[in-house]
């Protein structure tokens, strides 16, 4: 479920930026899971 939520977020960021999702959305996407309280590692 976390993977699909992050994929959807990446798609939304790409649409907002007008670029392909595979391009430079990583820097903007990286803090989003942490802001949402997702545990990335333990």
N, C-alpha and C. Protein backbone atom coordinates (compact mmCIF):
# COMPACT_ATOMS: atom_id res chain seq x y z
N UNK A 1 0.82 -1.18 0.00
CA UNK A 1 0.00 0.00 0.00
C UNK A 1 0.87 1.26 0.00
N UNK A 2 1.97 1.22 0.72
CA UNK A 2 2.87 2.37 0.75
C UNK A 2 3.44 2.63 -0.65
N UNK A 3 3.79 1.56 -1.36
CA UNK A 3 4.36 1.71 -2.70
C UNK A 3 3.37 2.40 -3.63
N UNK A 4 2.11 1.98 -3.60
CA UNK A 4 1.14 2.60 -4.51
C UNK A 4 0.84 4.04 -4.12
N UNK A 5 0.86 4.34 -2.83
CA UNK A 5 0.65 5.73 -2.41
C UNK A 5 1.79 6.62 -2.90
N UNK A 6 3.01 6.13 -2.78
CA UNK A 6 4.16 6.91 -3.25
C UNK A 6 4.18 7.02 -4.77
N UNK A 7 3.75 5.98 -5.47
CA UNK A 7 3.68 6.04 -6.93
C UNK A 7 2.65 7.08 -7.38
N UNK A 8 1.53 7.13 -6.68
CA UNK A 8 0.51 8.13 -7.01
C UNK A 8 1.01 9.54 -6.73
N UNK A 9 1.73 9.69 -5.63
CA UNK A 9 2.30 11.00 -5.30
C UNK A 9 3.30 11.43 -6.36
N UNK A 10 4.15 10.50 -6.80
CA UNK A 10 5.12 10.80 -7.85
C UNK A 10 4.42 11.21 -9.14
N UNK A 11 3.35 10.51 -9.47
CA UNK A 11 2.59 10.85 -10.68
C UNK A 11 1.99 12.25 -10.58
N UNK A 12 1.44 12.58 -9.42
CA UNK A 12 0.86 13.91 -9.23
C UNK A 12 1.92 15.01 -9.33
N UNK A 13 3.08 14.76 -8.71
CA UNK A 13 4.17 15.73 -8.80
C UNK A 13 4.62 15.91 -10.25
N UNK A 14 4.72 14.83 -10.99
CA UNK A 14 5.15 14.90 -12.39
C UNK A 14 4.13 15.69 -13.22
N UNK A 15 2.85 15.43 -12.97
CA UNK A 15 1.82 16.18 -13.70
C UNK A 15 1.91 17.66 -13.37
N UNK A 16 2.06 17.98 -12.09
CA UNK A 16 2.18 19.39 -11.69
C UNK A 16 3.39 20.07 -12.32
N UNK A 17 4.49 19.32 -12.46
CA UNK A 17 5.72 19.87 -13.03
C UNK A 17 5.73 19.80 -14.56
N UNK A 18 4.80 19.02 -15.14
CA UNK A 18 4.75 18.87 -16.59
C UNK A 18 5.88 18.02 -17.15
N UNK A 19 6.35 17.04 -16.36
CA UNK A 19 7.44 16.17 -16.81
C UNK A 19 7.04 14.72 -16.63
N UNK A 20 7.82 13.81 -17.20
CA UNK A 20 7.58 12.38 -17.03
C UNK A 20 7.89 11.98 -15.58
N UNK A 21 7.15 11.03 -15.05
CA UNK A 21 7.32 10.60 -13.66
C UNK A 21 8.71 10.03 -13.41
N UNK A 22 9.37 9.53 -14.45
CA UNK A 22 10.70 8.95 -14.29
C UNK A 22 11.77 10.01 -14.13
N UNK A 23 11.44 11.25 -14.38
CA UNK A 23 12.44 12.31 -14.32
C UNK A 23 12.57 12.87 -12.92
N UNK A 24 13.03 14.04 -12.77
CA UNK A 24 13.50 14.61 -11.51
C UNK A 24 12.42 14.96 -10.50
N UNK A 25 11.59 14.00 -10.12
CA UNK A 25 10.64 14.25 -9.04
C UNK A 25 11.14 13.65 -7.72
N UNK A 26 12.26 12.93 -7.77
CA UNK A 26 12.77 12.24 -6.58
C UNK A 26 13.07 13.19 -5.43
N UNK A 27 13.68 14.32 -5.72
CA UNK A 27 14.03 15.27 -4.66
C UNK A 27 12.78 15.81 -3.96
N UNK A 28 11.73 16.02 -4.74
CA UNK A 28 10.49 16.54 -4.16
C UNK A 28 9.69 15.43 -3.49
N UNK A 29 9.85 14.20 -3.96
CA UNK A 29 9.09 13.08 -3.41
C UNK A 29 9.69 12.55 -2.12
N UNK A 30 10.99 12.66 -1.97
CA UNK A 30 11.68 12.05 -0.83
C UNK A 30 11.10 12.44 0.54
N UNK A 31 10.80 13.71 0.82
CA UNK A 31 10.29 14.04 2.15
C UNK A 31 8.82 13.69 2.39
N UNK A 32 8.08 13.39 1.34
CA UNK A 32 6.63 13.18 1.48
C UNK A 32 6.28 12.00 2.39
N UNK A 33 6.88 10.81 2.22
CA UNK A 33 6.51 9.70 3.11
C UNK A 33 6.80 10.01 4.58
N UNK A 34 7.88 10.69 4.85
CA UNK A 34 8.23 11.04 6.23
C UNK A 34 7.18 12.00 6.80
N UNK A 35 6.76 12.96 5.98
CA UNK A 35 5.73 13.92 6.42
C UNK A 35 4.42 13.21 6.72
N UNK A 36 4.17 12.11 6.03
CA UNK A 36 2.93 11.34 6.22
C UNK A 36 3.05 10.29 7.32
N UNK A 37 4.23 10.21 7.94
CA UNK A 37 4.41 9.28 9.03
C UNK A 37 4.75 7.86 8.62
N UNK A 38 5.16 7.66 7.37
CA UNK A 38 5.54 6.32 6.90
C UNK A 38 6.92 5.98 7.44
N UNK A 39 7.10 4.75 7.85
CA UNK A 39 8.38 4.27 8.34
C UNK A 39 9.17 3.75 7.14
N UNK A 40 10.31 4.38 6.85
CA UNK A 40 11.11 3.99 5.69
C UNK A 40 12.13 2.91 6.05
N UNK A 41 12.59 2.90 7.27
CA UNK A 41 13.52 1.86 7.73
C UNK A 41 13.49 1.85 9.25
N UNK A 42 13.97 0.73 9.79
CA UNK A 42 13.97 0.62 11.25
C UNK A 42 15.35 0.35 11.75
